[in-house]
Protein backbone atom coordinates (compact mmCIF):
# COMPACT_ATOMS: atom_id res chain seq x y z
CA UNK A 1 95.62 87.29 99.52
CA UNK A 2 98.79 86.66 101.50
CA UNK A 3 101.72 84.80 99.95
CA UNK A 4 104.68 83.53 101.95
CA UNK A 5 107.65 81.36 101.01
CA UNK A 6 109.74 79.21 103.32
CA UNK A 7 113.29 79.98 102.27
CA UNK A 8 114.86 77.92 105.03
CA UNK A 9 114.31 80.42 107.83
CA UNK A 10 113.19 79.09 111.20
CA UNK A 11 110.71 81.92 111.78
CA UNK A 12 108.69 81.52 108.55
CA UNK A 13 105.48 80.46 110.33
CA UNK A 14 105.67 83.25 112.90
CA UNK A 15 106.49 85.71 110.13
CA UNK A 16 103.27 84.81 108.30
CA UNK A 17 101.21 85.36 111.45
CA UNK A 18 102.96 88.70 111.88
CA UNK A 19 102.02 89.57 108.29
CA UNK A 20 98.37 88.83 109.08
CA UNK A 21 98.52 91.32 111.95
CA UNK A 22 100.21 93.91 109.75
CA UNK A 23 97.61 93.58 107.00
CA UNK A 24 94.72 93.67 109.47
CA UNK A 25 96.26 96.73 111.11
CA UNK A 26 96.35 98.41 107.70
CA UNK A 27 92.58 98.00 107.44
CA UNK A 28 92.61 95.22 104.83
CA UNK A 29 90.55 92.02 105.07
CA UNK A 30 92.56 88.81 104.71
CA UNK A 31 90.74 86.24 102.55
CA UNK A 32 93.35 83.50 102.46
CA UNK A 33 97.07 82.79 102.71
CA UNK A 34 99.16 80.59 100.43
CA UNK A 35 102.48 79.14 101.52
CA UNK A 36 105.27 77.50 99.58
CA UNK A 37 108.90 76.59 99.87
CA UNK A 38 111.91 77.21 97.65
CA UNK A 39 115.64 76.97 98.07
CA UNK A 40 116.01 80.44 96.60
CA UNK A 41 113.67 83.04 95.08
CA UNK A 42 112.83 82.90 91.38
CA UNK A 43 114.60 85.80 89.60
CA UNK A 44 111.56 86.71 87.49
CA UNK A 45 108.54 86.01 89.74
CA UNK A 46 110.13 85.43 93.17
CA UNK A 47 107.55 82.77 94.05
CA UNK A 48 108.00 80.79 90.82
CA UNK A 49 105.73 80.17 87.83
CA UNK A 50 103.72 77.37 89.44
CA UNK A 51 103.01 79.21 92.65
CA UNK A 52 102.13 82.38 90.70
CA UNK A 53 99.53 80.40 88.70
CA UNK A 54 98.15 78.99 91.98
CA UNK A 55 97.87 82.49 93.44
CA UNK A 56 96.18 83.80 90.27
CA UNK A 57 93.57 81.02 90.44
CA UNK A 58 92.89 81.71 94.13
CA UNK A 59 92.59 85.44 93.46
CA UNK A 60 89.97 84.82 90.76
CA UNK A 61 88.09 82.32 92.93
CA UNK A 62 87.98 84.55 96.02
CA UNK A 63 87.70 87.81 94.05
CA UNK A 64 90.68 89.25 95.93
CA UNK A 65 91.81 92.74 94.96
CA UNK A 66 95.34 92.76 96.40
CA UNK A 67 98.22 90.32 96.89
CA UNK A 68 100.70 90.90 99.72
CA UNK A 69 104.01 89.04 99.48
CA UNK A 70 105.68 88.39 102.83
CA UNK A 71 109.13 89.29 101.50
CA UNK A 72 110.96 92.15 99.83
CA UNK A 73 110.69 91.80 96.05
CA UNK A 74 112.30 93.79 93.27
CA UNK A 75 110.44 96.16 90.95
CA UNK A 76 110.80 93.68 88.08
CA UNK A 77 109.43 90.80 90.16
CA UNK A 78 106.54 92.99 91.30
CA UNK A 79 105.68 93.99 87.74
CA UNK A 80 105.88 90.39 86.49
CA UNK A 81 103.66 89.13 89.33
CA UNK A 82 101.04 91.77 88.60
CA UNK A 83 100.96 90.72 84.93
CA UNK A 84 100.67 87.05 85.92
CA UNK A 85 98.06 87.47 88.69
CA UNK A 86 96.06 90.41 87.35
CA UNK A 87 95.76 92.45 90.57
CA UNK A 88 98.12 94.87 92.37
CA UNK A 89 100.97 93.24 94.29
CA UNK A 90 102.85 94.80 97.20
CA UNK A 91 105.67 93.41 99.30
CA UNK A 92 106.37 93.53 103.02
CA UNK A 93 108.29 96.82 102.85
CA UNK A 94 105.52 98.50 100.86
CA UNK A 95 102.97 97.33 103.43
CA UNK A 96 104.98 98.68 106.37
CA UNK A 97 105.46 102.01 104.60
CA UNK A 98 101.71 102.21 104.02
CA UNK A 99 101.01 101.56 107.71
CA UNK A 100 103.55 104.20 108.72
CA UNK A 101 101.88 106.68 106.36
CA UNK A 102 98.51 105.98 108.01
CA UNK A 103 99.78 106.27 111.58
CA UNK A 104 102.16 109.26 111.37
CA UNK A 105 100.65 112.17 113.29
CA UNK A 106 103.39 114.70 114.00
CA UNK A 107 104.98 116.89 111.34
CA UNK A 108 108.30 115.15 111.93
CA UNK A 109 106.78 111.70 111.57
CA UNK A 110 105.11 112.66 108.29
CA UNK A 111 108.41 114.02 106.96
CA UNK A 112 110.20 110.80 107.86
CA UNK A 113 107.56 108.59 106.23
CA UNK A 114 107.50 110.70 103.07
CA UNK A 115 111.28 110.53 102.82
CA UNK A 116 111.24 106.74 103.11
CA UNK A 117 108.46 106.46 100.52
CA UNK A 118 110.23 108.71 98.01
CA UNK A 119 113.56 106.93 98.38
CA UNK A 120 111.81 103.64 97.68
CA UNK A 121 109.78 105.10 94.80
CA UNK A 122 112.89 106.44 93.08
CA UNK A 123 114.00 102.86 92.36
CA UNK A 124 110.60 101.79 90.99
CA UNK A 125 109.59 104.60 88.64
CA UNK A 126 109.89 102.44 85.54
CA UNK A 127 106.68 100.60 86.52
CA UNK A 128 104.56 103.68 85.96
CA UNK A 129 105.88 104.52 82.51
CA UNK A 130 106.07 101.22 80.62
CA UNK A 131 103.33 102.42 78.27
CA UNK A 132 105.64 105.22 77.08
CA UNK A 133 108.79 103.16 76.56
CA UNK A 134 110.37 102.52 73.15
CA UNK A 135 112.21 99.33 72.40
CA UNK A 136 114.98 101.04 70.45
CA UNK A 137 117.59 103.37 71.87
CA UNK A 138 120.25 105.66 70.50
CA UNK A 139 120.56 109.22 69.27
CA UNK A 140 117.29 110.58 67.92
CA UNK A 141 115.28 107.66 69.28
CA UNK A 142 114.76 108.77 72.88
CA UNK A 143 111.13 108.13 73.79
CA UNK A 144 108.83 110.19 75.99
CA UNK A 145 109.04 107.45 78.63
CA UNK A 146 112.73 108.09 79.22
CA UNK A 147 112.14 111.87 79.26
CA UNK A 148 109.34 111.54 81.82
CA UNK A 149 111.46 109.21 83.98
CA UNK A 150 114.28 111.73 84.04
CA UNK A 151 111.83 114.48 84.99
CA UNK A 152 110.31 112.40 87.78
CA UNK A 153 113.70 111.41 89.13
CA UNK A 154 114.78 115.04 89.21
CA UNK A 155 111.59 116.13 90.98
CA UNK A 156 111.87 113.30 93.50
CA UNK A 157 115.53 114.15 94.07
CA UNK A 158 114.64 117.76 94.78
CA UNK A 159 111.90 116.75 97.21
CA UNK A 160 114.21 114.26 98.98
CA UNK A 161 116.83 116.99 99.38
CA UNK A 162 114.23 119.34 100.87
CA UNK A 163 112.96 116.69 103.30
CA UNK A 164 116.49 115.89 104.46
CA UNK A 165 117.11 119.60 105.10
CA UNK A 166 113.94 119.84 107.20
CA UNK A 167 114.84 116.70 109.15
CA UNK A 168 118.34 118.10 109.69
CA UNK A 169 116.74 121.14 111.34
CA UNK A 170 114.69 118.82 113.55
CA UNK A 171 117.88 116.97 114.41
CA UNK A 172 119.50 120.27 115.40
CA UNK A 173 116.55 121.10 117.64
CA UNK A 174 116.83 117.72 119.35
CA UNK A 175 120.56 118.27 119.85
CA UNK A 176 119.84 121.61 121.52
CA UNK A 177 117.28 119.97 123.80
CA UNK A 178 119.75 117.22 124.71
CA UNK A 179 122.44 119.76 125.59
CA UNK A 180 119.95 121.60 127.80
CA UNK A 181 119.09 118.35 129.60
CA UNK A 182 122.77 117.56 130.02
CA UNK A 183 123.42 120.97 131.59
CA UNK A 184 120.51 120.48 133.96
CA UNK A 185 121.86 117.08 134.98
CA UNK A 186 118.78 115.14 133.79
CA UNK A 187 119.39 111.52 132.85
CA UNK A 188 117.56 110.14 129.83
CA UNK A 189 115.87 106.75 129.54
CA UNK A 190 114.46 105.42 126.24
CA UNK A 191 111.87 102.70 125.87
CA UNK A 192 112.73 100.42 122.95
CA UNK A 193 111.39 97.08 121.86
CA UNK A 194 109.51 95.04 119.32
CA UNK A 195 106.28 96.51 118.05
CA UNK A 196 103.26 95.69 120.24
CA UNK A 197 105.46 94.68 123.18
CA UNK A 198 103.73 97.23 125.44
CA UNK A 199 106.11 100.19 125.38
CA UNK A 200 103.43 102.88 125.23
CA UNK A 201 101.38 101.17 127.95
CA UNK A 202 104.42 101.06 130.23
CA UNK A 203 105.25 104.67 129.32
CA UNK A 204 101.74 105.76 130.33
CA UNK A 205 101.95 103.72 133.52
CA UNK A 206 105.22 105.39 134.54
CA UNK A 207 104.45 108.96 133.50
CA UNK A 208 100.62 109.23 133.21
CA UNK A 209 101.27 110.74 129.79
CA UNK A 210 98.15 109.49 128.04
CA UNK A 211 100.07 108.45 124.91
CA UNK A 212 98.10 106.41 122.39
CA UNK A 213 98.37 102.68 123.07
CA UNK A 214 96.55 99.82 121.33
CA UNK A 215 96.91 96.09 120.79
CA UNK A 216 98.20 96.41 117.23
CA UNK A 217 101.49 96.61 115.38
CA UNK A 218 102.96 100.12 115.05
CA UNK A 219 100.15 101.73 117.08
CA UNK A 220 102.27 104.85 117.50
CA UNK A 221 105.21 106.23 115.53
CA UNK A 222 105.96 109.58 117.12
CA UNK A 223 108.51 109.90 119.90
CA UNK A 224 107.03 111.24 123.14
CA UNK A 225 109.16 112.43 126.08
CA UNK A 226 108.06 113.15 129.64
CA UNK A 227 109.82 113.96 132.89
CA UNK A 228 109.60 111.33 135.60
CA UNK A 229 110.14 112.56 139.18
CA UNK A 230 111.69 109.77 141.23
CA UNK A 231 112.01 111.51 144.60
CA UNK A 232 114.78 113.39 146.34
CA UNK A 233 114.47 116.22 143.85
CA UNK A 234 115.73 113.90 141.09
CA UNK A 235 114.08 113.38 137.73
CA UNK A 236 114.53 111.38 134.56
CA UNK A 237 113.47 112.14 131.00
CA UNK A 238 111.73 109.06 129.58
CA UNK A 239 111.12 108.75 125.83
CA UNK A 240 108.74 106.35 124.09
CA UNK A 241 110.05 105.43 120.62
CA UNK A 242 108.76 103.67 117.51
CA UNK A 243 108.61 99.89 117.73
CA UNK A 244 110.92 97.66 115.72
CA UNK A 245 110.13 94.60 113.65
CA UNK A 246 112.05 91.82 111.94
CA UNK A 247 113.37 92.78 108.51
CA UNK A 248 112.62 96.45 109.18
CA UNK A 249 113.12 98.29 105.86
CA UNK A 250 116.49 100.02 105.73
CA UNK A 251 114.82 103.11 104.24
CA UNK A 252 112.74 103.43 107.40
CA UNK A 253 115.76 103.02 109.66
CA UNK A 254 117.52 105.79 107.74
CA UNK A 255 114.47 108.07 107.64
CA UNK A 256 113.77 107.69 111.36
CA UNK A 257 117.40 108.19 112.37
CA UNK A 258 116.63 111.70 113.70
CA UNK A 259 113.98 110.26 116.01
CA UNK A 260 116.09 107.27 116.99
CA UNK A 261 118.94 109.54 118.03
CA UNK A 262 117.06 109.88 121.32
CA UNK A 263 117.92 106.21 121.76
CA UNK A 264 121.56 106.63 120.73
CA UNK A 265 122.19 109.35 123.31
CA UNK A 266 120.18 107.77 126.15
CA UNK A 267 121.83 106.92 129.45
CA UNK A 268 119.75 103.75 129.75
CA UNK A 269 117.54 101.69 127.46
CA UNK A 270 114.51 99.84 128.77
CA UNK A 271 114.17 97.02 126.25
CA UNK A 272 110.50 96.05 126.59
CA UNK A 273 109.78 92.43 125.63
CA UNK A 274 106.49 90.58 125.25
CA UNK A 275 107.39 87.80 127.67
CA UNK A 276 104.34 85.75 126.68
CA UNK A 277 105.20 85.71 122.98
CA UNK A 278 106.46 82.29 121.79
CA UNK A 279 108.95 84.01 119.48
CA UNK A 280 110.35 86.44 122.04
CA UNK A 281 114.01 85.42 121.67
CA UNK A 282 113.95 86.21 117.93
CA UNK A 283 112.19 89.51 118.70
CA UNK A 284 114.91 90.43 121.19
CA UNK A 285 117.59 89.70 118.59
CA UNK A 286 115.71 91.75 115.95
CA UNK A 287 115.62 94.78 118.28
CA UNK A 288 119.29 94.37 119.19
CA UNK A 289 120.17 94.23 115.50
CA UNK A 290 118.40 97.53 114.78
CA UNK A 291 120.08 99.09 117.82
CA UNK A 292 123.45 98.07 116.43
CA UNK A 293 122.53 99.51 113.03
CA UNK A 294 121.74 102.94 114.48
CA UNK A 295 124.80 102.98 116.74
CA UNK A 296 123.05 102.26 120.04
CA UNK A 297 124.36 98.75 120.54
CA UNK A 298 126.66 99.77 123.39
CA UNK A 299 124.09 101.78 125.37
CA UNK A 300 123.36 100.03 128.72
CA UNK A 301 119.97 98.34 128.75
CA UNK A 302 117.63 96.45 131.05
CA UNK A 303 115.33 93.79 129.68
CA UNK A 304 111.79 94.56 130.82
CA UNK A 305 109.80 91.33 130.46
CA UNK A 306 106.25 92.60 130.08
CA UNK A 307 102.88 90.78 130.20
CA UNK A 308 103.73 88.41 133.04
CA UNK A 309 99.99 88.36 133.80
CA UNK A 310 99.57 86.16 130.71
CA UNK A 311 102.18 83.76 132.06
CA UNK A 312 100.62 83.53 135.51
CA UNK A 313 103.93 84.49 137.13
CA UNK A 314 104.71 87.03 139.84
CA UNK A 315 106.58 90.24 139.04
CA UNK A 316 110.22 90.20 140.08
CA UNK A 317 113.68 91.56 139.37
CA UNK A 318 116.53 89.30 138.25
CA UNK A 319 120.10 90.24 139.05
CA UNK A 320 123.44 88.81 138.07
CA UNK A 321 126.13 87.60 140.45
CA UNK A 322 127.36 91.19 140.88
CA UNK A 323 123.95 92.45 141.93
CA UNK A 324 123.31 94.36 138.69
CA UNK A 325 119.81 94.30 137.24
CA UNK A 326 119.44 91.76 134.46
CA UNK A 327 115.70 91.51 133.86
CA UNK A 328 112.60 93.16 135.27
CA UNK A 329 109.41 91.09 135.06
CA UNK A 330 106.17 93.08 135.25
CA UNK A 331 102.75 93.72 133.74
CA UNK A 332 102.27 97.19 132.33
CA UNK A 333 98.56 96.72 131.72
CA UNK A 334 97.64 96.10 135.36
CA UNK A 335 100.66 97.75 137.01
CA UNK A 336 102.10 94.68 138.75
CA UNK A 337 105.83 95.19 139.26
CA UNK A 338 105.87 98.76 137.90
CA UNK A 339 106.60 100.14 141.37
CA UNK A 340 109.71 97.96 141.50
CA UNK A 341 110.89 99.33 138.17
CA UNK A 342 110.22 102.87 139.38
CA UNK A 343 112.34 102.28 142.49
CA UNK A 344 115.12 100.79 140.37
CA UNK A 345 115.03 103.90 138.15
CA UNK A 346 115.19 106.09 141.26
CA UNK A 347 118.32 104.23 142.34
CA UNK A 348 119.71 104.60 138.83
CA UNK A 349 119.17 108.37 138.99
CA UNK A 350 120.84 108.53 142.40
CA UNK A 351 123.92 106.58 141.32
CA UNK A 352 126.03 108.21 138.57
CA UNK A 353 127.64 104.81 138.09
CA UNK A 354 124.58 103.99 136.01
CA UNK A 355 122.73 100.73 135.51
CA UNK A 356 125.65 98.59 136.68
CA UNK A 357 125.34 99.94 140.19
CA UNK A 358 123.98 97.59 142.84
CA UNK A 359 120.38 98.50 143.59
CA UNK A 360 118.45 97.57 146.72
CA UNK A 361 116.07 94.66 146.22
CA UNK A 362 112.42 95.69 146.14
CA UNK A 363 110.74 93.83 149.03
CA UNK A 364 107.63 92.92 147.03
CA UNK A 365 109.73 91.50 144.21
CA UNK A 366 111.76 88.90 146.05
CA UNK A 367 112.72 86.29 143.52
CA UNK A 368 111.46 82.77 144.05
CA UNK A 369 114.25 80.21 143.79
CA UNK A 370 112.28 77.86 141.52
CA UNK A 371 111.39 80.73 139.20
CA UNK A 372 115.04 81.77 139.13
CA UNK A 373 116.09 78.27 138.13
CA UNK A 374 113.54 78.19 135.32
CA UNK A 375 114.62 81.61 134.10
CA UNK A 376 118.25 80.57 134.08
CA UNK A 377 117.54 77.89 131.50
CA UNK A 378 115.45 80.19 129.32
CA UNK A 379 111.95 79.07 130.36
CA UNK A 380 109.35 81.78 130.99
């Protein structure tokens, strides 16, 4: 059972559809979704007493075994909802962490997910030990619940410290690799974007890497890097990174900082956008916000508007009045326009001035004037 509240945000409807995709991607069947609206969350139950009773009745009627709340809720609100509804309740952050735990394949990815899970768990331990709590406090009245909580917190703290040490070693290895690439003169390009925008498909199309790609949210979590030879003896190192999402948990951003450092130190970001998505402008802003959080907000980037085949539009390259690339429109799934992007990257590798250099126009991507006018006003 999905539960979503409209708290005055414009993207509430799209956010619920995104939650459906997340839950389905986690392997859970969605029976129904309940929506409501409030000016502000209820301190005790988040969704309010009336809505909680409505959810409880629907859970009994449909025999649902899990409630997913499309927001971040506190440990107290989660515990109160579970008492009121009678089945386990998880929030959006807990769902995303569960998906990351399912999809992590590399040793580094598993370390990052475990770190994020433990840091979240450390704030919610009280839920597991309420049966051992005593109502009274003071000297001589310490209950076994408090003792067990202190033990668990210490054990979790030790494990978190160990995971951070291991990730620090991974970060050192990545720094060594970056220095080696810098000495060899290789430029680095990172693919970033909203989850399911087509980054891995484009990465495979450019490099023939065979990275896992699927039409689902967070299909891949592990960073993959490949060399791309662009002619003239020049090459680029292209990295495919984890996708972003709106309201990405801060614990995940912190845990994946070692991986995302490939983005921070890149010479160019290819910001892949699902051009056919009705909510693409909000997705672009969500990605830019995460980039600013990790310190990559000032890295030069090109917007790669993917999935033009769904729009029925030709691939093309948009430039500003100075001739610099502004947007690249293509379809990664069928390869339309990818050759133009490859030639633009070749020119980028040849010009140390970087992405602001003036690149030759690809002959097959001449921009139609009517299309340019529509693009200028924000239409697809």
